[in-house]
Amino acid sequence: EADERGEAMPHFFRHELGFGTADDVAGLIAFLASDAAAGITGQ
């Protein structure tokens, strides 16, 4: 509900549970797609 209101999620969710928004995952997708991740596979 905080996310839907455009507010930051409570720290408990983001930090203690590692639960966030879709954008929090998107950076990892772009990183693994890059040339910088050429040595990362099978993970």
Full PDB file with SEQRES, HELIX, SHEET, SSBOND, CRYST1, ORIGX, SCALE, CONECT and MASTER records, all heavy atoms in Angstrom:
SEQRES   1 A   43  GLU ALA ASP GLU ARG GLY GLU ALA MET PRO HIS PHE PHE          
SEQRES   2 A   43  ARG HIS GLU LEU GLY PHE GLY THR ALA ASP ASP VAL ALA          
SEQRES   3 A   43  GLY LEU ILE ALA PHE LEU ALA SER ASP ALA ALA ALA GLY          
SEQRES   4 A   43  ILE THR GLY GLN                                              
HELIX    1 AA1 HIS A   11  HIS A   11  1                                   1    
HELIX    2 AA2 PHE A   12  GLU A   16  3                                   5    
HELIX    3 AA3 ALA A   22  ALA A   33  1                                  12    
HELIX    4 AA4 ASP A   35  ALA A   37  5                                   3    
CRYST1    1.000    1.000    1.000  90.00  90.00  90.00 P 1           1          
ORIGX1      1.000000  0.000000  0.000000        0.00000                         
ORIGX2      0.000000  1.000000  0.000000        0.00000                         
ORIGX3      0.000000  0.000000  1.000000        0.00000                         
SCALE1      1.000000  0.000000  0.000000        0.00000                         
SCALE2      0.000000  1.000000  0.000000        0.00000                         
SCALE3      0.000000  0.000000  1.000000        0.00000                         
ATOM      1  N   GLU A   1       0.827  -1.215   0.000  1.00  0.00           N  
ATOM      2  CA  GLU A   1       0.000   0.000   0.000  1.00  0.00           C  
ATOM      3  C   GLU A   1       0.859   1.262   0.000  1.00  0.00           C  
ATOM      4  O   GLU A   1       0.508   2.257  -0.639  1.00  0.00           O  
ATOM      5  CB  GLU A   1      -0.955  -0.022   1.191  1.00  0.00           C  
ATOM      6  CG  GLU A   1      -2.043  -1.076   1.052  1.00  0.00           C  
ATOM      7  CD  GLU A   1      -3.018  -1.078   2.204  1.00  0.00           C  
ATOM      8  OE1 GLU A   1      -2.769  -0.350   3.200  1.00  0.00           O  
ATOM      9  OE2 GLU A   1      -4.032  -1.797   2.118  1.00  0.00           O  
ATOM     10  N   ALA A   2       1.981   1.231   0.697  1.00  0.00           N  
ATOM     11  CA  ALA A   2       2.889   2.383   0.664  1.00  0.00           C  
ATOM     12  C   ALA A   2       3.412   2.603  -0.752  1.00  0.00           C  
ATOM     13  O   ALA A   2       3.469   3.739  -1.240  1.00  0.00           O  
ATOM     14  CB  ALA A   2       4.052   2.163   1.628  1.00  0.00           C  
ATOM     15  N   ASP A   3       3.765   1.526  -1.413  1.00  0.00           N  
ATOM     16  CA  ASP A   3       4.264   1.620  -2.790  1.00  0.00           C  
ATOM     17  C   ASP A   3       3.194   2.177  -3.719  1.00  0.00           C  
ATOM     18  O   ASP A   3       3.468   3.020  -4.577  1.00  0.00           O  
ATOM     19  CB  ASP A   3       4.722   0.237  -3.261  1.00  0.00           C  
ATOM     20  CG  ASP A   3       5.354   0.268  -4.644  1.00  0.00           C  
ATOM     21  OD1 ASP A   3       6.208   1.147  -4.891  1.00  0.00           O  
ATOM     22  OD2 ASP A   3       5.001  -0.582  -5.479  1.00  0.00           O  
ATOM     23  N   GLU A   4       1.969   1.727  -3.541  1.00  0.00           N  
ATOM     24  CA  GLU A   4       0.879   2.198  -4.394  1.00  0.00           C  
ATOM     25  C   GLU A   4       0.595   3.682  -4.190  1.00  0.00           C  
ATOM     26  O   GLU A   4       0.138   4.358  -5.106  1.00  0.00           O  
ATOM     27  CB  GLU A   4      -0.380   1.373  -4.120  1.00  0.00           C  
ATOM     28  CG  GLU A   4      -0.292  -0.058  -4.645  1.00  0.00           C  
ATOM     29  CD  GLU A   4      -1.533  -0.869  -4.323  1.00  0.00           C  
ATOM     30  OE1 GLU A   4      -2.268  -0.473  -3.378  1.00  0.00           O  
ATOM     31  OE2 GLU A   4      -1.757  -1.878  -5.005  1.00  0.00           O  
ATOM     32  N   ARG A   5       0.889   4.181  -2.984  1.00  0.00           N  
ATOM     33  CA  ARG A   5       0.705   5.613  -2.718  1.00  0.00           C  
ATOM     34  C   ARG A   5       1.907   6.436  -3.168  1.00  0.00           C  
ATOM     35  O   ARG A   5       1.928   7.656  -3.003  1.00  0.00           O  
ATOM     36  CB  ARG A   5       0.481   5.838  -1.211  1.00  0.00           C  
ATOM     37  CG  ARG A   5      -0.790   5.241  -0.659  1.00  0.00           C  
ATOM     38  CD  ARG A   5      -1.098   5.800   0.739  1.00  0.00           C  
ATOM     39  NE  ARG A   5      -0.023   5.545   1.683  1.00  0.00           N  
ATOM     40  CZ  ARG A   5       0.079   4.455   2.440  1.00  0.00           C  
ATOM     41  NH1 ARG A   5      -0.819   3.490   2.337  1.00  0.00           N  
ATOM     42  NH2 ARG A   5       1.074   4.315   3.300  1.00  0.00           N  
ATOM     43  N   GLY A   6       2.903   5.767  -3.708  1.00  0.00           N  
ATOM     44  CA  GLY A   6       4.099   6.475  -4.142  1.00  0.00           C  
ATOM     45  C   GLY A   6       5.035   6.820  -3.008  1.00  0.00           C  
ATOM     46  O   GLY A   6       5.912   7.676  -3.150  1.00  0.00           O  
ATOM     47  N   GLU A   7       4.876   6.143  -1.878  1.00  0.00           N  
ATOM     48  CA  GLU A   7       5.721   6.383  -0.711  1.00  0.00           C  
ATOM     49  C   GLU A   7       6.774   5.282  -0.591  1.00  0.00           C  
ATOM     50  O   GLU A   7       6.618   4.190  -1.134  1.00  0.00           O  
ATOM     51  CB  GLU A   7       4.860   6.396   0.558  1.00  0.00           C  
ATOM     52  CG  GLU A   7       3.781   7.459   0.565  1.00  0.00           C  
ATOM     53  CD  GLU A   7       2.831   7.305   1.745  1.00  0.00           C  
ATOM     54  OE1 GLU A   7       3.071   6.390   2.575  1.00  0.00           O  
ATOM     55  OE2 GLU A   7       1.859   8.069   1.829  1.00  0.00           O  
ATOM     56  N   ALA A   8       7.834   5.592   0.128  1.00  0.00           N  
ATOM     57  CA  ALA A   8       8.867   4.585   0.383  1.00  0.00           C  
ATOM     58  C   ALA A   8       8.301   3.496   1.284  1.00  0.00           C  
ATOM     59  O   ALA A   8       7.547   3.778   2.222  1.00  0.00           O  
ATOM     60  CB  ALA A   8      10.080   5.226   1.045  1.00  0.00           C  
ATOM     61  N   MET A   9       8.648   2.265   0.999  1.00  0.00           N  
ATOM     62  CA  MET A   9       8.222   1.166   1.863  1.00  0.00           C  
ATOM     63  C   MET A   9       8.901   1.288   3.228  1.00  0.00           C  
ATOM     64  O   MET A   9      10.024   1.783   3.320  1.00  0.00           O  
ATOM     65  CB  MET A   9       8.593  -0.177   1.243  1.00  0.00           C  
ATOM     66  CG  MET A   9       7.772  -0.551   0.029  1.00  0.00           C  
ATOM     67  SD  MET A   9       8.231  -2.198  -0.558  1.00  0.00           S  
ATOM     68  CE  MET A   9       7.152  -2.339  -1.986  1.00  0.00           C  
ATOM     69  N   PRO A  10       8.264   0.818   4.289  1.00  0.00           N  
ATOM     70  CA  PRO A  10       8.894   0.836   5.608  1.00  0.00           C  
ATOM     71  C   PRO A  10      10.241   0.117   5.593  1.00  0.00           C  
ATOM     72  O   PRO A  10      10.437  -0.867   4.883  1.00  0.00           O  
ATOM     73  CB  PRO A  10       7.888   0.098   6.494  1.00  0.00           C  
ATOM     74  CG  PRO A  10       6.567   0.310   5.816  1.00  0.00           C  
ATOM     75  CD  PRO A  10       6.873   0.314   4.344  1.00  0.00           C  
ATOM     76  N   HIS A  11      11.167   0.633   6.388  1.00  0.00           N  
ATOM     77  CA  HIS A  11      12.524   0.096   6.462  1.00  0.00           C  
ATOM     78  C   HIS A  11      12.527  -1.401   6.780  1.00  0.00           C  
ATOM     79  O   HIS A  11      13.350  -2.158   6.260  1.00  0.00           O  
ATOM     80  CB  HIS A  11      13.324   0.866   7.526  1.00  0.00           C  
ATOM     81  CG  HIS A  11      14.743   0.419   7.659  1.00  0.00           C  
ATOM     82  ND1 HIS A  11      15.132  -0.549   8.573  1.00  0.00           N  
ATOM     83  CD2 HIS A  11      15.859   0.789   6.994  1.00  0.00           C  
ATOM     84  CE1 HIS A  11      16.441  -0.755   8.460  1.00  0.00           C  
ATOM     85  NE2 HIS A  11      16.900   0.049   7.524  1.00  0.00           N  
ATOM     86  N   PHE A  12      11.609  -1.838   7.631  1.00  0.00           N  
ATOM     87  CA  PHE A  12      11.537  -3.247   7.995  1.00  0.00           C  
ATOM     88  C   PHE A  12      11.430  -4.132   6.761  1.00  0.00           C  
ATOM     89  O   PHE A  12      12.113  -5.152   6.651  1.00  0.00           O  
ATOM     90  CB  PHE A  12      10.334  -3.491   8.920  1.00  0.00           C  
ATOM     91  CG  PHE A  12      10.073  -4.941   9.215  1.00  0.00           C  
ATOM     92  CD1 PHE A  12      10.780  -5.610  10.203  1.00  0.00           C  
ATOM     93  CD2 PHE A  12       9.121  -5.643   8.487  1.00  0.00           C  
ATOM     94  CE1 PHE A  12      10.545  -6.951  10.471  1.00  0.00           C  
ATOM     95  CE2 PHE A  12       8.867  -6.979   8.750  1.00  0.00           C  
ATOM     96  CZ  PHE A  12       9.591  -7.640   9.741  1.00  0.00           C  
ATOM     97  N   PHE A  13      10.561  -3.751   5.822  1.00  0.00           N  
ATOM     98  CA  PHE A  13      10.379  -4.560   4.616  1.00  0.00           C  
ATOM     99  C   PHE A  13      11.598  -4.483   3.714  1.00  0.00           C  
ATOM    100  O   PHE A  13      12.113  -5.500   3.244  1.00  0.00           O  
ATOM    101  CB  PHE A  13       9.132  -4.107   3.859  1.00  0.00           C  
ATOM    102  CG  PHE A  13       7.844  -4.481   4.542  1.00  0.00           C  
ATOM    103  CD1 PHE A  13       7.168  -3.547   5.307  1.00  0.00           C  
ATOM    104  CD2 PHE A  13       7.321  -5.753   4.436  1.00  0.00           C  
ATOM    105  CE1 PHE A  13       5.983  -3.880   5.955  1.00  0.00           C  
ATOM    106  CE2 PHE A  13       6.139  -6.098   5.076  1.00  0.00           C  
ATOM    107  CZ  PHE A  13       5.464  -5.163   5.836  1.00  0.00           C  
ATOM    108  N   ARG A  14      12.067  -3.276   3.469  1.00  0.00           N  
ATOM    109  CA  ARG A  14      13.166  -3.101   2.523  1.00  0.00           C  
ATOM    110  C   ARG A  14      14.472  -3.711   3.038  1.00  0.00           C  
ATOM    111  O   ARG A  14      15.220  -4.330   2.264  1.00  0.00           O  
ATOM    112  CB  ARG A  14      13.392  -1.604   2.238  1.00  0.00           C  
ATOM    113  CG  ARG A  14      12.292  -0.951   1.418  1.00  0.00           C  
ATOM    114  CD  ARG A  14      12.729   0.428   0.922  1.00  0.00           C  
ATOM    115  NE  ARG A  14      13.971   0.338   0.169  1.00  0.00           N  
ATOM    116  CZ  ARG A  14      14.051   0.012  -1.117  1.00  0.00           C  
ATOM    117  NH1 ARG A  14      12.948  -0.248  -1.798  1.00  0.00           N  
ATOM    118  NH2 ARG A  14      15.214  -0.053  -1.730  1.00  0.00           N  
ATOM    119  N   HIS A  15      14.740  -3.530   4.301  1.00  0.00           N  
ATOM    120  CA  HIS A  15      16.052  -3.929   4.815  1.00  0.00           C  
ATOM    121  C   HIS A  15      16.027  -5.302   5.492  1.00  0.00           C  
ATOM    122  O   HIS A  15      16.828  -6.178   5.166  1.00  0.00           O  
ATOM    123  CB  HIS A  15      16.571  -2.874   5.791  1.00  0.00           C  
ATOM    124  CG  HIS A  15      18.035  -2.981   6.043  1.00  0.00           C  
ATOM    125  ND1 HIS A  15      18.978  -2.523   5.149  1.00  0.00           N  
ATOM    126  CD2 HIS A  15      18.729  -3.519   7.082  1.00  0.00           C  
ATOM    127  CE1 HIS A  15      20.195  -2.776   5.629  1.00  0.00           C  
ATOM    128  NE2 HIS A  15      20.067  -3.381   6.802  1.00  0.00           N  
ATOM    129  N   GLU A  16      15.121  -5.490   6.434  1.00  0.00           N  
ATOM    130  CA  GLU A  16      15.094  -6.752   7.177  1.00  0.00           C  
ATOM    131  C   GLU A  16      14.629  -7.919   6.309  1.00  0.00           C  
ATOM    132  O   GLU A  16      15.146  -9.038   6.425  1.00  0.00           O  
ATOM    133  CB  GLU A  16      14.180  -6.621   8.408  1.00  0.00           C  
ATOM    134  CG  GLU A  16      14.575  -5.514   9.369  1.00  0.00           C  
ATOM    135  CD  GLU A  16      15.975  -5.707   9.922  1.00  0.00           C  
ATOM    136  OE1 GLU A  16      16.373  -6.872  10.145  1.00  0.00           O  
ATOM    137  OE2 GLU A  16      16.674  -4.699  10.122  1.00  0.00           O  
ATOM    138  N   LEU A  17      13.627  -7.674   5.451  1.00  0.00           N  
ATOM    139  CA  LEU A  17      13.076  -8.742   4.617  1.00  0.00           C  
ATOM    140  C   LEU A  17      13.631  -8.754   3.208  1.00  0.00           C  
ATOM    141  O   LEU A  17      13.455  -9.739   2.484  1.00  0.00           O  
ATOM    142  CB  LEU A  17      11.550  -8.613   4.543  1.00  0.00           C  
ATOM    143  CG  LEU A  17      10.767  -8.836   5.822  1.00  0.00           C  
ATOM    144  CD1 LEU A  17       9.278  -8.702   5.538  1.00  0.00           C  
ATOM    145  CD2 LEU A  17      11.058 -10.212   6.408  1.00  0.00           C  
ATOM    146  N   GLY A  18      14.293  -7.673   2.792  1.00  0.00           N  
ATOM    147  CA  GLY A  18      14.749  -7.598   1.407  1.00  0.00           C  
ATOM    148  C   GLY A  18      13.597  -7.587   0.429  1.00  0.00           C  
ATOM    149  O   GLY A  18      13.656  -8.186  -0.645  1.00  0.00           O  
ATOM    150  N   PHE A  19      12.520  -6.884   0.782  1.00  0.00           N  
ATOM    151  CA  PHE A  19      11.312  -6.813  -0.038  1.00  0.00           C  
ATOM    152  C   PHE A  19      11.149  -5.374  -0.519  1.00  0.00           C  
ATOM    153  O   PHE A  19      11.152  -4.440   0.280  1.00  0.00           O  
ATOM    154  CB  PHE A  19      10.100  -7.222   0.807  1.00  0.00           C  
ATOM    155  CG  PHE A  19       8.783  -7.157   0.085  1.00  0.00           C  
ATOM    156  CD1 PHE A  19       8.339  -8.232  -0.663  1.00  0.00           C  
ATOM    157  CD2 PHE A  19       7.975  -6.024   0.160  1.00  0.00           C  
ATOM    158  CE1 PHE A  19       7.114  -8.186  -1.321  1.00  0.00           C  
ATOM    159  CE2 PHE A  19       6.758  -5.966  -0.489  1.00  0.00           C  
ATOM    160  CZ  PHE A  19       6.324  -7.055  -1.234  1.00  0.00           C  
ATOM    161  N   GLY A  20      11.033  -5.197  -1.829  1.00  0.00           N  
ATOM    162  CA  GLY A  20      10.955  -3.836  -2.349  1.00  0.00           C  
ATOM    163  C   GLY A  20      10.092  -3.728  -3.581  1.00  0.00           C  
ATOM    164  O   GLY A  20       9.111  -4.449  -3.738  1.00  0.00           O  
ATOM    165  N   THR A  21      10.473  -2.829  -4.468  1.00  0.00           N  
ATOM    166  CA  THR A  21       9.721  -2.567  -5.687  1.00  0.00           C  
ATOM    167  C   THR A  21      10.351  -3.294  -6.869  1.00  0.00           C  
ATOM    168  O   THR A  21      11.464  -3.802  -6.796  1.00  0.00           O  
ATOM    169  CB  THR A  21       9.701  -1.066  -5.988  1.00  0.00           C  
ATOM    170  OG1 THR A  21      11.035  -0.652  -6.363  1.00  0.00           O  
ATOM    171  CG2 THR A  21       9.241  -0.262  -4.777  1.00  0.00           C  
ATOM    172  N   ALA A  22       9.622  -3.306  -7.968  1.00  0.00           N  
ATOM    173  CA  ALA A  22      10.153  -3.905  -9.187  1.00  0.00           C  
ATOM    174  C   ALA A  22      11.440  -3.209  -9.635  1.00  0.00           C  
ATOM    175  O   ALA A  22      12.378  -3.857 -10.120  1.00  0.00           O  
ATOM    176  CB  ALA A  22       9.104  -3.828 -10.292  1.00  0.00           C  
ATOM    177  N   ASP A  23      11.510  -1.900  -9.435  1.00  0.00           N  
ATOM    178  CA  ASP A  23      12.706  -1.154  -9.842  1.00  0.00           C  
ATOM    179  C   ASP A  23      13.943  -1.580  -9.045  1.00  0.00           C  
ATOM    180  O   ASP A  23      15.075  -1.448  -9.524  1.00  0.00           O  
ATOM    181  CB  ASP A  23      12.477   0.348  -9.671  1.00  0.00           C  
ATOM    182  CG  ASP A  23      11.533   0.905 -10.727  1.00  0.00           C  
ATOM    183  OD1 ASP A  23      11.390   0.275 -11.791  1.00  0.00           O  
ATOM    184  OD2 ASP A  23      10.927   1.960 -10.477  1.00  0.00           O  
ATOM    185  N   ASP A  24      13.731  -2.095  -7.826  1.00  0.00           N  
ATOM    186  CA  ASP A  24      14.869  -2.550  -7.019  1.00  0.00           C  
ATOM    187  C   ASP A  24      15.549  -3.774  -7.632  1.00  0.00           C  
ATOM    188  O   ASP A  24      16.698  -4.063  -7.332  1.00  0.00           O  
ATOM    189  CB  ASP A  24      14.414  -2.904  -5.592  1.00  0.00           C  
ATOM    190  CG  ASP A  24      13.997  -1.677  -4.797  1.00  0.00           C  
ATOM    191  OD1 ASP A  24      14.663  -0.633  -4.935  1.00  0.00           O  
ATOM    192  OD2 ASP A  24      13.007  -1.756  -4.053  1.00  0.00           O  
ATOM    193  N   VAL A  25      14.831  -4.509  -8.460  1.00  0.00           N  
ATOM    194  CA  VAL A  25      15.377  -5.707  -9.103  1.00  0.00           C  
ATOM    195  C   VAL A  25      15.963  -5.383 -10.480  1.00  0.00           C  
ATOM    196  O   VAL A  25      16.880  -6.040 -10.955  1.00  0.00           O  
ATOM    197  CB  VAL A  25      14.284  -6.791  -9.244  1.00  0.00           C  
ATOM    198  CG1 VAL A  25      14.865  -8.098  -9.783  1.00  0.00           C  
ATOM    199  CG2 VAL A  25      13.594  -7.046  -7.912  1.00  0.00           C  
ATOM    200  N   ALA A  26      15.432  -4.337 -11.105  1.00  0.00           N  
ATOM    201  CA  ALA A  26      15.769  -4.033 -12.500  1.00  0.00           C  
ATOM    202  C   ALA A  26      17.248  -3.729 -12.710  1.00  0.00           C  
ATOM    203  O   ALA A  26      17.819  -4.065 -13.752  1.00  0.00           O  
ATOM    204  CB  ALA A  26      14.923  -2.859 -12.991  1.00  0.00           C  
ATOM    205  N   GLY A  27      17.891  -3.111 -11.730  1.00  0.00           N  
ATOM    206  CA  GLY A  27      19.317  -2.803 -11.880  1.00  0.00           C  
ATOM    207  C   GLY A  27      20.156  -4.056 -12.037  1.00  0.00           C  
ATOM    208  O   GLY A  27      21.131  -4.078 -12.806  1.00  0.00           O  
ATOM    209  N   LEU A  28      19.809  -5.116 -11.306  1.00  0.00           N  
ATOM    210  CA  LEU A  28      20.541  -6.383 -11.421  1.00  0.00           C  
ATOM    211  C   LEU A  28      20.367  -6.982 -12.804  1.00  0.00           C  
ATOM    212  O   LEU A  28      21.320  -7.536 -13.372  1.00  0.00           O  
ATOM    213  CB  LEU A  28      20.052  -7.359 -10.346  1.00  0.00           C  
ATOM    214  CG  LEU A  28      20.651  -8.774 -10.397  1.00  0.00           C  
ATOM    215  CD1 LEU A  28      22.166  -8.746 -10.239  1.00  0.00           C  
ATOM    216  CD2 LEU A  28      20.011  -9.653  -9.317  1.00  0.00           C  
ATOM    217  N   ILE A  29      19.175  -6.884 -13.353  1.00  0.00           N  
ATOM    218  CA  ILE A  29      18.923  -7.402 -14.709  1.00  0.00           C  
ATOM    219  C   ILE A  29      19.842  -6.697 -15.712  1.00  0.00           C  
ATOM    220  O   ILE A  29      20.498  -7.342 -16.535  1.00  0.00           O  
ATOM    221  CB  ILE A  29      17.448  -7.183 -15.103  1.00  0.00           C  
ATOM    222  CG1 ILE A  29      16.504  -7.916 -14.153  1.00  0.00           C  
ATOM    223  CG2 ILE A  29      17.219  -7.608 -16.549  1.00  0.00           C  
ATOM    224  CD1 ILE A  29      16.584  -9.413 -14.182  1.00  0.00           C  
ATOM    225  N   ALA A  30      19.888  -5.370 -15.643  1.00  0.00           N  
ATOM    226  CA  ALA A  30      20.730  -4.614 -16.581  1.00  0.00           C  
ATOM    227  C   ALA A  30      22.208  -4.924 -16.377  1.00  0.00           C  
ATOM    228  O   ALA A  30      22.964  -5.039 -17.344  1.00  0.00           O  
ATOM    229  CB  ALA A  30      20.464  -3.118 -16.421  1.00  0.00           C  
ATOM    230  N   PHE A  31      22.631  -5.072 -15.132  1.00  0.00           N  
ATOM    231  CA  PHE A  31      24.030  -5.408 -14.860  1.00  0.00           C  
ATOM    232  C   PHE A  31      24.402  -6.757 -15.459  1.00  0.00           C  
ATOM    233  O   PHE A  31      25.442  -6.895 -16.131  1.00  0.00           O  
ATOM    234  CB  PHE A  31      24.288  -5.419 -13.358  1.00  0.00           C  
ATOM    235  CG  PHE A  31      25.619  -6.011 -12.986  1.00  0.00           C  
ATOM    236  CD1 PHE A  31      26.805  -5.339 -13.251  1.00  0.00           C  
ATOM    237  CD2 PHE A  31      25.699  -7.263 -12.388  1.00  0.00           C  
ATOM    238  CE1 PHE A  31      28.046  -5.892 -12.936  1.00  0.00           C  
ATOM    239  CE2 PHE A  31      26.918  -7.834 -12.065  1.00  0.00           C  
ATOM    240  CZ  PHE A  31      28.097  -7.141 -12.337  1.00  0.00           C  
ATOM    241  N   LEU A  32      23.571  -7.771 -15.242  1.00  0.00           N  
ATOM    242  CA  LEU A  32      23.874  -9.106 -15.784  1.00  0.00           C  
ATOM    243  C   LEU A  32      23.834  -9.124 -17.309  1.00  0.00           C  
ATOM    244  O   LEU A  32      24.451  -9.984 -17.935  1.00  0.00           O  
ATOM    245  CB  LEU A  32      22.884 -10.134 -15.223  1.00  0.00           C  
ATOM    246  CG  LEU A  32      23.043 -10.457 -13.733  1.00  0.00           C  
ATOM    247  CD1 LEU A  32      21.920 -11.378 -13.269  1.00  0.00           C  
ATOM    248  CD2 LEU A  32      24.410 -11.089 -13.447  1.00  0.00           C  
ATOM    249  N   ALA A  33      23.113  -8.158 -17.889  1.00  0.00           N  
ATOM    250  CA  ALA A  33      23.050  -8.056 -19.350  1.00  0.00           C  
ATOM    251  C   ALA A  33      24.265  -7.360 -19.940  1.00  0.00           C  
ATOM    252  O   ALA A  33      24.489  -7.388 -21.155  1.00  0.00           O  
ATOM    253  CB  ALA A  33      21.787  -7.309 -19.760  1.00  0.00           C  
ATOM    254  N   SER A  34      25.071  -6.735 -19.101  1.00  0.00           N  
ATOM    255  CA  SER A  34      26.174  -5.900 -19.587  1.00  0.00           C  
ATOM    256  C   SER A  34      27.455  -6.693 -19.813  1.00  0.00           C  
ATOM    257  O   SER A  34      27.608  -7.824 -19.350  1.00  0.00           O  
ATOM    258  CB  SER A  34      26.456  -4.784 -18.576  1.00  0.00           C  
ATOM    259  OG  SER A  34      27.093  -5.317 -17.422  1.00  0.00           O  
ATOM    260  N   ASP A  35      28.407  -6.046 -20.486  1.00  0.00           N  
ATOM    261  CA  ASP A  35      29.720  -6.656 -20.701  1.00  0.00           C  
ATOM    262  C   ASP A  35      30.472  -6.831 -19.387  1.00  0.00           C  
ATOM    263  O   ASP A  35      31.349  -7.690 -19.274  1.00  0.00           O  
ATOM    264  CB  ASP A  35      30.537  -5.792 -21.667  1.00  0.00           C  
ATOM    265  CG  ASP A  35      29.975  -5.797 -23.077  1.00  0.00           C  
ATOM    266  OD1 ASP A  35      29.172  -6.703 -23.397  1.00  0.00           O  
ATOM    267  OD2 ASP A  35      30.312  -4.884 -23.857  1.00  0.00           O  
ATOM    268  N   ALA A  36      30.145  -6.023 -18.384  1.00  0.00           N  
ATOM    269  CA  ALA A  36      30.818  -6.120 -17.084  1.00  0.00           C  
ATOM    270  C   ALA A  36      30.552  -7.447 -16.401  1.00  0.00           C  
ATOM    271  O   ALA A  36      31.317  -7.862 -15.520  1.00  0.00           O  
ATOM    272  CB  ALA A  36      30.360  -4.973 -16.186  1.00  0.00           C  
ATOM    273  N   ALA A  37      29.462  -8.147 -16.805  1.00  0.00           N  
ATOM    274  CA  ALA A  37      29.091  -9.413 -16.177  1.00  0.00           C  
ATOM    275  C   ALA A  37      29.516 -10.624 -17.013  1.00  0.00           C  
ATOM    276  O   ALA A  37      29.002 -11.722 -16.812  1.00  0.00           O  
ATOM    277  CB  ALA A  37      27.582  -9.447 -15.944  1.00  0.00           C  
ATOM    278  N   ALA A  38      30.475 -10.425 -17.894  1.00  0.00           N  
ATOM    279  CA  ALA A  38      30.906 -11.516 -18.776  1.00  0.00           C  
ATOM    280  C   ALA A  38      31.432 -12.730 -18.013  1.00  0.00           C  
ATOM    281  O   ALA A  38      31.350 -13.859 -18.487  1.00  0.00           O  
ATOM    282  CB  ALA A  38      31.975 -11.005 -19.749  1.00  0.00           C  
ATOM    283  N   GLY A  39      31.966 -12.514 -16.818  1.00  0.00           N  
ATOM    284  CA  GLY A  39      32.527 -13.620 -16.046  1.00  0.00           C  
ATOM    285  C   GLY A  39      31.558 -14.231 -15.053  1.00  0.00           C  
ATOM    286  O   GLY A  39      31.950 -15.090 -14.250  1.00  0.00           O  
ATOM    287  N   ILE A  40      30.291 -13.813 -15.087  1.00  0.00           N  
ATOM    288  CA  ILE A  40      29.295 -14.312 -14.138  1.00  0.00           C  
ATOM    289  C   ILE A  40      28.332 -15.225 -14.876  1.00  0.00           C  
ATOM    290  O   ILE A  40      27.597 -14.777 -15.766  1.00  0.00           O  
ATOM    291  CB  ILE A  40      28.521 -13.147 -13.493  1.00  0.00           C  
ATOM    292  CG1 ILE A  40      29.479 -12.179 -12.801  1.00  0.00           C  
ATOM    293  CG2 ILE A  40      27.479 -13.676 -12.505  1.00  0.00           C  
ATOM    294  CD1 ILE A  40      28.825 -10.891 -12.345  1.00  0.00           C  
ATOM    295  N   THR A  41      28.307 -16.494 -14.537  1.00  0.00           N  
ATOM    296  CA  THR A  41      27.395 -17.429 -15.199  1.00  0.00           C  
ATOM    297  C   THR A  41      27.076 -18.595 -14.279  1.00  0.00           C  
ATOM    298  O   THR A  41      27.852 -18.931 -13.380  1.00  0.00           O  
ATOM    299  CB  THR A  41      27.994 -17.920 -16.539  1.00  0.00           C  
ATOM    300  OG1 THR A  41      26.985 -18.611 -17.296  1.00  0.00           O  
ATOM    301  CG2 THR A  41      29.195 -18.826 -16.325  1.00  0.00           C  
ATOM    302  N   GLY A  42      25.890 -19.168 -14.479  1.00  0.00           N  
ATOM    303  CA  GLY A  42      25.457 -20.298 -13.674  1.00  0.00           C  
ATOM    304  C   GLY A  42      25.047 -19.943 -12.267  1.00  0.00           C  
ATOM    305  O   GLY A  42      24.933 -20.818 -11.411  1.00  0.00           O  
ATOM    306  N   GLN A  43      24.767 -18.675 -12.016  1.00  0.00           N  
ATOM    307  CA  GLN A  43      24.477 -18.212 -10.661  1.00  0.00           C  
ATOM    308  C   GLN A  43      22.978 -17.960 -10.456  1.00  0.00           C  
ATOM    309  O   GLN A  43      22.254 -17.638 -11.388  1.00  0.00           O  
ATOM    310  CB  GLN A  43      25.253 -16.929 -10.366  1.00  0.00           C  
ATOM    311  CG  GLN A  43      26.754 -17.067 -10.539  1.00  0.00           C  
ATOM    312  CD  GLN A  43      27.335 -18.172  -9.675  1.00  0.00           C  
ATOM    313  OE1 GLN A  43      27.185 -18.171  -8.463  1.00  0.00           O  
ATOM    314  NE2 GLN A  43      28.009 -19.130 -10.311  1.00  0.00           N  
TER     315      GLN A  43                                                      
MASTER        0    0    0    4    0    0    0    6  314    1    0    4          
END                                                                             
